[in-house]
Amino acid sequence: MDNVNNDFESKRIVFVTVGTTSFDSLVKTVDSDQVKEALLEKGYTHLVIQMGRGSYIPKKSSGGEDGSLVVDYFTFSSSIADYLRSASLVISHAGSGSIFETLRLAKPLIVVVNEDLMDNHQSELAEELAERKHLFCGRPQTLCEVIKSSLNVDIIVPYEPAPTNLKAEKRILGAP
């Protein structure tokens, strides 16, 4: 039994979520050798990608023994709560639901803004929360650099959720 607990505790899982949308540029980026290497260098062992409606299929890997990341993916789940709870790091699209759910769980979070969206009000929310040091923010092309040089979970300021609901949280932060 102790071996099972030790094995579970030794896993450092990065959970990536794009929500219900398609965000192939984020999925391709986290599936790149550069990002996987950066995650390994930070001590992460597993990469689980929720790829939504995207068409890019990441490469699965059972890894581990050869020093590489264990990689798995899926399209949708009825609830991502268990994935978020088990994660050591979350990399998310800039959807407010995903952001606030992760912050409420006090998980380190990198929000990746989808620049392909026309009215990108989500970037304003992500950038404001990053400025307040609740999370890290980047773009697909800067994600590797964020992981390598900016990702210091010790500087994160815990997010104190508004006592009401998500709309109130967004209003407090000045987001639409």
N, C-alpha and C. Protein backbone atom coordinates (compact mmCIF):
# COMPACT_ATOMS: atom_id res chain seq x y z
N MET A 1 0.82 -1.20 0.00
CA MET A 1 0.00 0.00 0.00
C MET A 1 0.86 1.26 0.00
N ASP A 2 1.96 1.26 0.75
CA ASP A 2 2.83 2.43 0.78
C ASP A 2 3.42 2.72 -0.59
N ASN A 3 3.75 1.67 -1.36
CA ASN A 3 4.28 1.89 -2.70
C ASN A 3 3.28 2.61 -3.59
N VAL A 4 2.00 2.24 -3.46
CA VAL A 4 0.96 2.87 -4.28
C VAL A 4 0.88 4.35 -3.91
N ASN A 5 0.86 4.68 -2.62
CA ASN A 5 0.79 6.08 -2.20
C ASN A 5 2.03 6.85 -2.64
N ASN A 6 3.21 6.24 -2.50
CA ASN A 6 4.43 6.91 -2.93
C ASN A 6 4.44 7.15 -4.42
N ASP A 7 3.94 6.17 -5.20
CA ASP A 7 3.89 6.31 -6.65
C ASP A 7 2.97 7.47 -7.03
N PHE A 8 1.80 7.54 -6.38
CA PHE A 8 0.86 8.61 -6.68
C PHE A 8 1.45 9.97 -6.33
N GLU A 9 2.11 10.05 -5.16
CA GLU A 9 2.69 11.31 -4.71
C GLU A 9 3.86 11.73 -5.60
N SER A 10 4.54 10.77 -6.23
CA SER A 10 5.69 11.12 -7.07
C SER A 10 5.27 11.64 -8.44
N LYS A 11 4.01 11.47 -8.82
CA LYS A 11 3.53 11.99 -10.10
C LYS A 11 3.35 13.50 -9.99
N ARG A 12 3.87 14.20 -10.96
CA ARG A 12 3.65 15.65 -11.05
C ARG A 12 2.97 15.87 -12.40
N ILE A 13 1.68 16.10 -12.34
CA ILE A 13 0.83 16.13 -13.53
C ILE A 13 0.58 17.55 -14.01
N VAL A 14 0.77 17.74 -15.32
CA VAL A 14 0.38 18.99 -15.98
C VAL A 14 -0.92 18.67 -16.72
N PHE A 15 -1.97 19.40 -16.38
CA PHE A 15 -3.24 19.23 -17.06
C PHE A 15 -3.47 20.43 -17.96
N VAL A 16 -3.75 20.15 -19.24
CA VAL A 16 -3.99 21.19 -20.24
C VAL A 16 -5.45 21.12 -20.63
N THR A 17 -6.15 22.26 -20.62
CA THR A 17 -7.54 22.27 -21.04
C THR A 17 -7.81 23.41 -22.01
N VAL A 18 -8.57 23.08 -23.06
CA VAL A 18 -9.01 24.10 -24.02
C VAL A 18 -10.52 24.31 -23.92
N GLY A 19 -11.17 23.66 -22.95
CA GLY A 19 -12.61 23.79 -22.80
C GLY A 19 -13.34 23.10 -23.94
N THR A 20 -14.46 23.68 -24.34
CA THR A 20 -15.27 23.07 -25.41
C THR A 20 -14.91 23.60 -26.78
N THR A 21 -13.89 24.44 -26.85
CA THR A 21 -13.53 25.07 -28.12
C THR A 21 -12.48 24.25 -28.87
N SER A 22 -12.00 24.83 -29.93
CA SER A 22 -10.86 24.29 -30.68
C SER A 22 -9.72 25.28 -30.48
N PHE A 23 -8.60 24.80 -29.99
CA PHE A 23 -7.44 25.65 -29.78
C PHE A 23 -6.21 24.83 -30.13
N ASP A 24 -6.15 24.45 -31.44
CA ASP A 24 -5.07 23.58 -31.91
C ASP A 24 -3.68 24.17 -31.68
N SER A 25 -3.55 25.49 -31.75
CA SER A 25 -2.21 26.06 -31.55
C SER A 25 -1.70 25.81 -30.14
N LEU A 26 -2.58 25.80 -29.15
CA LEU A 26 -2.15 25.46 -27.78
C LEU A 26 -1.81 23.98 -27.68
N VAL A 27 -2.65 23.11 -28.23
CA VAL A 27 -2.40 21.67 -28.16
C VAL A 27 -1.10 21.32 -28.88
N LYS A 28 -0.87 21.89 -30.07
CA LYS A 28 0.39 21.65 -30.80
C LYS A 28 1.58 22.12 -29.99
N THR A 29 1.44 23.27 -29.35
CA THR A 29 2.55 23.83 -28.57
C THR A 29 2.90 22.94 -27.39
N VAL A 30 1.91 22.49 -26.61
CA VAL A 30 2.24 21.63 -25.46
C VAL A 30 2.72 20.26 -25.89
N ASP A 31 2.40 19.87 -27.13
CA ASP A 31 2.86 18.59 -27.66
C ASP A 31 4.26 18.68 -28.28
N SER A 32 4.81 19.88 -28.32
CA SER A 32 6.13 20.05 -28.93
C SER A 32 7.24 19.52 -28.02
N ASP A 33 8.33 19.07 -28.62
CA ASP A 33 9.47 18.57 -27.85
C ASP A 33 10.03 19.64 -26.92
N GLN A 34 10.02 20.89 -27.35
CA GLN A 34 10.58 21.98 -26.54
C GLN A 34 9.79 22.17 -25.24
N VAL A 35 8.46 22.19 -25.35
CA VAL A 35 7.63 22.38 -24.16
C VAL A 35 7.72 21.14 -23.26
N LYS A 36 7.69 19.97 -23.84
CA LYS A 36 7.80 18.75 -23.02
C LYS A 36 9.13 18.73 -22.27
N GLU A 37 10.21 19.13 -22.93
CA GLU A 37 11.52 19.18 -22.29
C GLU A 37 11.53 20.21 -21.15
N ALA A 38 10.92 21.37 -21.39
CA ALA A 38 10.85 22.40 -20.35
C ALA A 38 10.06 21.90 -19.13
N LEU A 39 8.98 21.18 -19.38
CA LEU A 39 8.19 20.62 -18.28
C LEU A 39 8.99 19.58 -17.50
N LEU A 40 9.71 18.73 -18.22
CA LEU A 40 10.57 17.73 -17.56
C LEU A 40 11.62 18.42 -16.69
N GLU A 41 12.23 19.47 -17.22
CA GLU A 41 13.25 20.21 -16.47
C GLU A 41 12.69 20.81 -15.19
N LYS A 42 11.39 21.12 -15.18
CA LYS A 42 10.74 21.67 -13.99
C LYS A 42 10.24 20.55 -13.06
N GLY A 43 10.48 19.29 -13.45
CA GLY A 43 10.14 18.17 -12.57
C GLY A 43 8.78 17.54 -12.79
N TYR A 44 8.09 17.92 -13.86
CA TYR A 44 6.78 17.32 -14.15
C TYR A 44 6.98 15.97 -14.82
N THR A 45 6.08 15.03 -14.55
CA THR A 45 6.22 13.65 -15.04
C THR A 45 5.12 13.24 -16.02
N HIS A 46 3.95 13.88 -15.94
CA HIS A 46 2.80 13.49 -16.76
C HIS A 46 2.17 14.72 -17.39
N LEU A 47 1.70 14.54 -18.62
CA LEU A 47 1.01 15.59 -19.36
C LEU A 47 -0.31 15.02 -19.84
N VAL A 48 -1.42 15.62 -19.38
CA VAL A 48 -2.75 15.19 -19.78
C VAL A 48 -3.41 16.36 -20.50
N ILE A 49 -3.81 16.13 -21.76
CA ILE A 49 -4.33 17.20 -22.60
C ILE A 49 -5.81 16.96 -22.91
N GLN A 50 -6.65 17.93 -22.54
CA GLN A 50 -8.06 17.92 -22.95
C GLN A 50 -8.11 18.80 -24.18
N MET A 51 -8.33 18.21 -25.35
CA MET A 51 -8.16 18.90 -26.63
C MET A 51 -9.44 19.45 -27.25
N GLY A 52 -10.58 19.26 -26.60
CA GLY A 52 -11.83 19.84 -27.09
C GLY A 52 -12.18 19.44 -28.51
N ARG A 53 -12.62 20.41 -29.30
CA ARG A 53 -13.05 20.17 -30.68
C ARG A 53 -11.92 20.24 -31.70
N GLY A 54 -10.71 20.33 -31.21
CA GLY A 54 -9.56 20.49 -32.10
C GLY A 54 -9.34 19.30 -33.02
N SER A 55 -8.61 19.54 -34.09
CA SER A 55 -8.31 18.47 -35.04
C SER A 55 -6.89 17.94 -34.89
N TYR A 56 -6.03 18.68 -34.20
CA TYR A 56 -4.66 18.21 -33.99
C TYR A 56 -4.66 17.13 -32.91
N ILE A 57 -4.05 15.99 -33.23
CA ILE A 57 -3.99 14.86 -32.30
C ILE A 57 -2.59 14.79 -31.70
N PRO A 58 -2.47 14.98 -30.39
CA PRO A 58 -1.15 14.90 -29.75
C PRO A 58 -0.60 13.47 -29.79
N LYS A 59 0.69 13.36 -29.55
CA LYS A 59 1.35 12.05 -29.52
C LYS A 59 1.28 11.49 -28.11
N LYS A 60 0.63 10.31 -27.98
CA LYS A 60 0.59 9.64 -26.67
C LYS A 60 1.96 9.04 -26.40
N SER A 61 2.29 8.95 -25.12
CA SER A 61 3.55 8.34 -24.74
C SER A 61 3.40 7.72 -23.37
N SER A 62 3.86 6.48 -23.24
CA SER A 62 3.84 5.85 -21.92
C SER A 62 5.07 6.27 -21.12
N GLY A 63 6.07 6.85 -21.80
CA GLY A 63 7.24 7.49 -21.19
C GLY A 63 7.67 6.94 -19.86
N GLY A 64 8.17 7.83 -19.04
CA GLY A 64 8.54 7.47 -17.69
C GLY A 64 9.91 6.86 -17.56
N GLU A 65 10.05 5.60 -17.97
CA GLU A 65 11.31 4.88 -17.78
C GLU A 65 12.48 5.53 -18.51
N ASP A 66 12.23 6.06 -19.70
CA ASP A 66 13.31 6.66 -20.48
C ASP A 66 13.51 8.14 -20.14
N GLY A 67 12.85 8.60 -19.09
CA GLY A 67 13.00 9.98 -18.68
C GLY A 67 12.11 10.96 -19.41
N SER A 68 11.21 10.45 -20.25
CA SER A 68 10.31 11.34 -20.97
C SER A 68 8.98 11.45 -20.22
N LEU A 69 8.18 12.44 -20.61
CA LEU A 69 6.87 12.63 -20.01
C LEU A 69 5.91 11.52 -20.44
N VAL A 70 5.05 11.13 -19.54
CA VAL A 70 3.91 10.28 -19.89
C VAL A 70 2.86 11.24 -20.45
N VAL A 71 2.38 10.98 -21.67
CA VAL A 71 1.44 11.89 -22.32
C VAL A 71 0.16 11.14 -22.68
N ASP A 72 -0.98 11.75 -22.33
CA ASP A 72 -2.27 11.20 -22.69
C ASP A 72 -3.18 12.37 -23.07
N TYR A 73 -4.26 12.07 -23.78
CA TYR A 73 -5.19 13.12 -24.18
C TYR A 73 -6.60 12.56 -24.29
N PHE A 74 -7.56 13.47 -24.29
CA PHE A 74 -8.97 13.13 -24.52
C PHE A 74 -9.65 14.38 -25.07
N THR A 75 -10.85 14.20 -25.64
CA THR A 75 -11.55 15.34 -26.22
C THR A 75 -12.40 16.06 -25.17
N PHE A 76 -13.34 15.36 -24.56
CA PHE A 76 -14.25 15.94 -23.58
C PHE A 76 -14.42 15.01 -22.40
N SER A 77 -14.85 15.61 -21.30
CA SER A 77 -15.19 14.85 -20.09
C SER A 77 -16.41 15.53 -19.48
N SER A 78 -17.26 14.76 -18.83
CA SER A 78 -18.44 15.37 -18.20
C SER A 78 -18.02 16.34 -17.09
N SER A 79 -16.84 16.12 -16.53
CA SER A 79 -16.31 17.03 -15.51
C SER A 79 -14.79 16.96 -15.54
N ILE A 80 -14.16 18.12 -15.52
CA ILE A 80 -12.70 18.13 -15.47
C ILE A 80 -12.20 18.36 -14.04
N ALA A 81 -13.12 18.40 -13.09
CA ALA A 81 -12.77 18.70 -11.70
C ALA A 81 -11.70 17.75 -11.16
N ASP A 82 -11.83 16.46 -11.42
CA ASP A 82 -10.83 15.50 -10.92
C ASP A 82 -9.47 15.74 -11.56
N TYR A 83 -9.46 16.08 -12.84
CA TYR A 83 -8.19 16.38 -13.51
C TYR A 83 -7.54 17.62 -12.88
N LEU A 84 -8.35 18.63 -12.61
CA LEU A 84 -7.82 19.84 -11.99
C LEU A 84 -7.27 19.55 -10.59
N ARG A 85 -8.01 18.77 -9.81
CA ARG A 85 -7.58 18.45 -8.45
C ARG A 85 -6.27 17.67 -8.43
N SER A 86 -6.07 16.79 -9.39
CA SER A 86 -4.86 15.95 -9.40
C SER A 86 -3.66 16.66 -10.04
N ALA A 87 -3.89 17.81 -10.64
CA ALA A 87 -2.81 18.51 -11.36
C ALA A 87 -1.86 19.22 -10.41
N SER A 88 -0.58 19.20 -10.78
CA SER A 88 0.43 20.01 -10.10
C SER A 88 0.55 21.37 -10.78
N LEU A 89 0.16 21.42 -12.05
CA LEU A 89 0.17 22.64 -12.85
C LEU A 89 -0.95 22.52 -13.87
N VAL A 90 -1.67 23.63 -14.09
CA VAL A 90 -2.72 23.66 -15.11
C VAL A 90 -2.30 24.68 -16.17
N ILE A 91 -2.44 24.27 -17.43
CA ILE A 91 -2.26 25.17 -18.57
C ILE A 91 -3.63 25.24 -19.23
N SER A 92 -4.19 26.44 -19.32
CA SER A 92 -5.57 26.58 -19.75
C SER A 92 -5.73 27.64 -20.82
N HIS A 93 -6.80 27.48 -21.61
CA HIS A 93 -7.25 28.57 -22.48
C HIS A 93 -7.74 29.68 -21.56
N ALA A 94 -8.12 30.82 -22.11
CA ALA A 94 -8.47 31.97 -21.29
C ALA A 94 -9.95 32.06 -20.94
N GLY A 95 -10.66 30.93 -20.96
CA GLY A 95 -12.06 30.94 -20.57
C GLY A 95 -12.21 31.21 -19.08
N SER A 96 -13.12 32.12 -18.73
CA SER A 96 -13.25 32.51 -17.33
C SER A 96 -13.64 31.35 -16.42
N GLY A 97 -14.46 30.43 -16.90
CA GLY A 97 -14.84 29.28 -16.08
C GLY A 97 -13.64 28.43 -15.71
N SER A 98 -12.80 28.13 -16.69
CA SER A 98 -11.60 27.33 -16.43
C SER A 98 -10.63 28.07 -15.51
N ILE A 99 -10.48 29.37 -15.74
CA ILE A 99 -9.56 30.16 -14.91
C ILE A 99 -10.02 30.15 -13.46
N PHE A 100 -11.27 30.53 -13.21
CA PHE A 100 -11.73 30.65 -11.82
C PHE A 100 -11.82 29.30 -11.12
N GLU A 101 -12.20 28.25 -11.84
CA GLU A 101 -12.25 26.93 -11.23
C GLU A 101 -10.86 26.50 -10.76
N THR A 102 -9.85 26.77 -11.57
CA THR A 102 -8.47 26.43 -11.22
C THR A 102 -7.97 27.29 -10.06
N LEU A 103 -8.25 28.58 -10.10
CA LEU A 103 -7.81 29.47 -9.02
C LEU A 103 -8.45 29.10 -7.69
N ARG A 104 -9.73 28.70 -7.72
CA ARG A 104 -10.41 28.29 -6.48
C ARG A 104 -9.74 27.08 -5.86
N LEU A 105 -9.15 26.23 -6.69
CA LEU A 105 -8.45 25.04 -6.19
C LEU A 105 -7.01 25.37 -5.80
N ALA A 106 -6.60 26.60 -5.96
CA ALA A 106 -5.25 27.07 -5.61
C ALA A 106 -4.17 26.28 -6.35
N LYS A 107 -4.42 26.02 -7.63
CA LYS A 107 -3.45 25.32 -8.47
C LYS A 107 -2.64 26.34 -9.27
N PRO A 108 -1.34 26.12 -9.42
CA PRO A 108 -0.56 27.00 -10.30
C PRO A 108 -1.15 26.94 -11.71
N LEU A 109 -1.25 28.10 -12.34
CA LEU A 109 -1.98 28.19 -13.61
C LEU A 109 -1.23 29.07 -14.60
N ILE A 110 -1.10 28.53 -15.81
CA ILE A 110 -0.63 29.33 -16.95
C ILE A 110 -1.82 29.45 -17.89
N VAL A 111 -2.25 30.66 -18.16
CA VAL A 111 -3.34 30.90 -19.10
C VAL A 111 -2.71 31.27 -20.43
N VAL A 112 -3.15 30.56 -21.48
CA VAL A 112 -2.65 30.82 -22.83
C VAL A 112 -3.79 31.45 -23.62
N VAL A 113 -3.55 32.66 -24.07
CA VAL A 113 -4.57 33.43 -24.78
C VAL A 113 -4.63 32.99 -26.24
N ASN A 114 -5.85 32.77 -26.71
CA ASN A 114 -6.07 32.38 -28.11
C ASN A 114 -6.22 33.66 -28.93
N GLU A 115 -5.17 34.02 -29.63
CA GLU A 115 -5.17 35.26 -30.41
C GLU A 115 -6.02 35.17 -31.66
N ASP A 116 -6.51 33.98 -31.99
CA ASP A 116 -7.34 33.82 -33.18
C ASP A 116 -8.79 34.25 -32.93
N LEU A 117 -9.16 34.48 -31.67
CA LEU A 117 -10.53 34.91 -31.38
C LEU A 117 -10.70 36.37 -31.75
N MET A 118 -11.84 36.69 -32.33
CA MET A 118 -12.09 38.06 -32.80
C MET A 118 -12.18 39.04 -31.63
N ASP A 119 -13.16 38.87 -30.76
CA ASP A 119 -13.37 39.77 -29.63
C ASP A 119 -12.73 39.12 -28.41
N ASN A 120 -11.47 39.39 -28.22
CA ASN A 120 -10.73 38.64 -27.22
C ASN A 120 -10.75 39.31 -25.85
N HIS A 121 -11.96 39.43 -25.28
CA HIS A 121 -12.09 39.98 -23.93
C HIS A 121 -11.44 39.06 -22.89
N GLN A 122 -11.28 37.78 -23.24
CA GLN A 122 -10.67 36.84 -22.31
C GLN A 122 -9.23 37.23 -21.99
N SER A 123 -8.54 37.81 -22.96
CA SER A 123 -7.15 38.19 -22.71
C SER A 123 -7.06 39.28 -21.65
N GLU A 124 -8.05 40.17 -21.60
CA GLU A 124 -8.06 41.22 -20.59
C GLU A 124 -8.15 40.62 -19.19
N LEU A 125 -9.01 39.63 -19.02
CA LEU A 125 -9.16 38.96 -17.72
C LEU A 125 -7.87 38.26 -17.34
N ALA A 126 -7.30 37.51 -18.26
CA ALA A 126 -6.06 36.76 -17.99
C ALA A 126 -4.91 37.71 -17.65
N GLU A 127 -4.79 38.78 -18.40
CA GLU A 127 -3.69 39.72 -18.17
C GLU A 127 -3.86 40.46 -16.85
N GLU A 128 -5.10 40.79 -16.47
CA GLU A 128 -5.34 41.45 -15.19
C GLU A 128 -4.98 40.51 -14.03
N LEU A 129 -5.38 39.26 -14.13
CA LEU A 129 -5.06 38.29 -13.07
C LEU A 129 -3.57 38.00 -13.01
N ALA A 130 -2.90 38.04 -14.16
CA ALA A 130 -1.44 37.85 -14.18
C ALA A 130 -0.75 39.05 -13.54
N GLU A 131 -1.26 40.24 -13.82
CA GLU A 131 -0.69 41.45 -13.23
C GLU A 131 -0.81 41.41 -11.70
N ARG A 132 -1.91 40.83 -11.22
CA ARG A 132 -2.12 40.69 -9.77
C ARG A 132 -1.38 39.48 -9.19
N LYS A 133 -0.64 38.78 -10.04
CA LYS A 133 0.20 37.63 -9.68
C LYS A 133 -0.59 36.41 -9.18
N HIS A 134 -1.82 36.25 -9.69
CA HIS A 134 -2.62 35.07 -9.38
C HIS A 134 -2.31 33.91 -10.33
N LEU A 135 -1.73 34.24 -11.49
CA LEU A 135 -1.45 33.24 -12.51
C LEU A 135 -0.38 33.77 -13.45
N PHE A 136 0.04 32.92 -14.38
CA PHE A 136 0.99 33.31 -15.42
C PHE A 136 0.20 33.37 -16.72
N CYS A 137 0.61 34.24 -17.62
CA CYS A 137 -0.12 34.42 -18.86
C CYS A 137 0.86 34.39 -20.03
N GLY A 138 0.43 33.80 -21.14
CA GLY A 138 1.26 33.75 -22.32
C GLY A 138 0.43 33.54 -23.57
N ARG A 139 1.12 33.33 -24.65
CA ARG A 139 0.53 33.03 -25.95
C ARG A 139 1.13 31.69 -26.38
N PRO A 140 0.55 31.02 -27.37
CA PRO A 140 1.15 29.75 -27.79
C PRO A 140 2.65 29.88 -28.10
N GLN A 141 3.04 30.96 -28.78
CA GLN A 141 4.44 31.13 -29.18
C GLN A 141 5.35 31.50 -28.00
N THR A 142 4.80 31.89 -26.85
CA THR A 142 5.64 32.24 -25.69
C THR A 142 5.54 31.23 -24.55
N LEU A 143 4.74 30.20 -24.71
CA LEU A 143 4.51 29.24 -23.62
C LEU A 143 5.79 28.60 -23.12
N CYS A 144 6.65 28.17 -24.02
CA CYS A 144 7.89 27.52 -23.60
C CYS A 144 8.74 28.46 -22.75
N GLU A 145 8.82 29.70 -23.14
CA GLU A 145 9.59 30.69 -22.39
C GLU A 145 8.97 30.95 -21.01
N VAL A 146 7.64 30.99 -20.96
CA VAL A 146 6.95 31.18 -19.67
C VAL A 146 7.31 30.03 -18.73
N ILE A 147 7.30 28.80 -19.26
CA ILE A 147 7.63 27.63 -18.44
C ILE A 147 9.09 27.70 -17.98
N LYS A 148 9.98 28.00 -18.91
CA LYS A 148 11.41 28.00 -18.58
C LYS A 148 11.82 29.11 -17.64
N SER A 149 11.36 30.33 -17.90
CA SER A 149 11.92 31.47 -17.15
C SER A 149 10.97 32.12 -16.15
N SER A 150 9.68 32.08 -16.39
CA SER A 150 8.75 32.80 -15.52
C SER A 150 8.06 31.91 -14.49
N LEU A 151 8.02 30.62 -14.73
CA LEU A 151 7.22 29.73 -13.90
C LEU A 151 7.88 29.50 -12.54
N ASN A 152 7.54 30.36 -11.61
CA ASN A 152 8.00 30.23 -10.23
C ASN A 152 6.75 30.25 -9.37
N VAL A 153 6.27 29.08 -8.97
CA VAL A 153 5.00 29.00 -8.26
C VAL A 153 5.06 29.67 -6.89
N ASP A 154 6.25 29.94 -6.38
CA ASP A 154 6.38 30.58 -5.07
C ASP A 154 5.95 32.05 -5.09
N ILE A 155 5.88 32.67 -6.27
CA ILE A 155 5.50 34.08 -6.32
C ILE A 155 4.00 34.28 -6.55
N ILE A 156 3.25 33.18 -6.68
CA ILE A 156 1.81 33.29 -6.92
C ILE A 156 1.12 33.81 -5.66
N VAL A 157 0.25 34.79 -5.85
CA VAL A 157 -0.58 35.33 -4.78
C VAL A 157 -1.89 34.55 -4.79
N PRO A 158 -2.24 33.91 -3.67
CA PRO A 158 -3.50 33.15 -3.65
C PRO A 158 -4.69 34.03 -4.02
N TYR A 159 -5.57 33.46 -4.82
CA TYR A 159 -6.77 34.18 -5.25
C TYR A 159 -7.85 33.98 -4.21
N GLU A 160 -8.43 35.07 -3.76
CA GLU A 160 -9.55 35.02 -2.82
C GLU A 160 -10.83 35.25 -3.61
N PRO A 161 -11.64 34.19 -3.82
CA PRO A 161 -12.84 34.35 -4.64
C PRO A 161 -13.87 35.27 -4.00
N ALA A 162 -14.61 35.94 -4.85
CA ALA A 162 -15.72 36.77 -4.38
C ALA A 162 -16.74 35.87 -3.70
N PRO A 163 -17.41 36.35 -2.69
CA PRO A 163 -18.34 35.50 -1.95
C PRO A 163 -19.62 35.17 -2.70
N THR A 164 -19.82 35.76 -3.87
CA THR A 164 -21.07 35.54 -4.57
C THR A 164 -20.91 34.54 -5.70
N ASN A 165 -20.75 34.98 -6.91
CA ASN A 165 -20.69 34.06 -8.04
C ASN A 165 -19.70 34.53 -9.09
N LEU A 166 -19.62 33.79 -10.17
CA LEU A 166 -18.66 34.08 -11.23
C LEU A 166 -18.88 35.45 -11.85
N LYS A 167 -20.13 35.84 -12.06
CA LYS A 167 -20.39 37.16 -12.65
C LYS A 167 -19.87 38.26 -11.74
N ALA A 168 -20.04 38.08 -10.46
CA ALA A 168 -19.53 39.08 -9.51
C ALA A 168 -18.00 39.12 -9.57
N GLU A 169 -17.36 37.96 -9.66
CA GLU A 169 -15.90 37.93 -9.75
C GLU A 169 -15.43 38.69 -10.98
N LYS A 170 -16.08 38.47 -12.11
CA LYS A 170 -15.69 39.15 -13.33
C LYS A 170 -15.91 40.64 -13.20
N ARG A 171 -17.03 41.06 -12.57
CA ARG A 171 -17.34 42.48 -12.39
C ARG A 171 -16.28 43.14 -11.50
N ILE A 172 -15.88 42.46 -10.42
CA ILE A 172 -14.87 42.99 -9.51
C ILE A 172 -13.56 43.22 -10.25
N LEU A 173 -13.22 42.30 -11.15
CA LEU A 173 -11.98 42.43 -11.90
C LEU A 173 -12.10 43.37 -13.09
N GLY A 174 -13.31 43.88 -13.33
CA GLY A 174 -13.49 44.80 -14.43
C GLY A 174 -13.60 44.14 -15.78
N ALA A 175 -13.87 42.84 -15.80
CA ALA A 175 -14.00 42.11 -17.07
C ALA A 175 -15.47 42.18 -17.52
N PRO A 176 -15.70 42.11 -18.81
CA PRO A 176 -17.09 42.15 -19.32
C PRO A 176 -17.87 40.90 -18.94
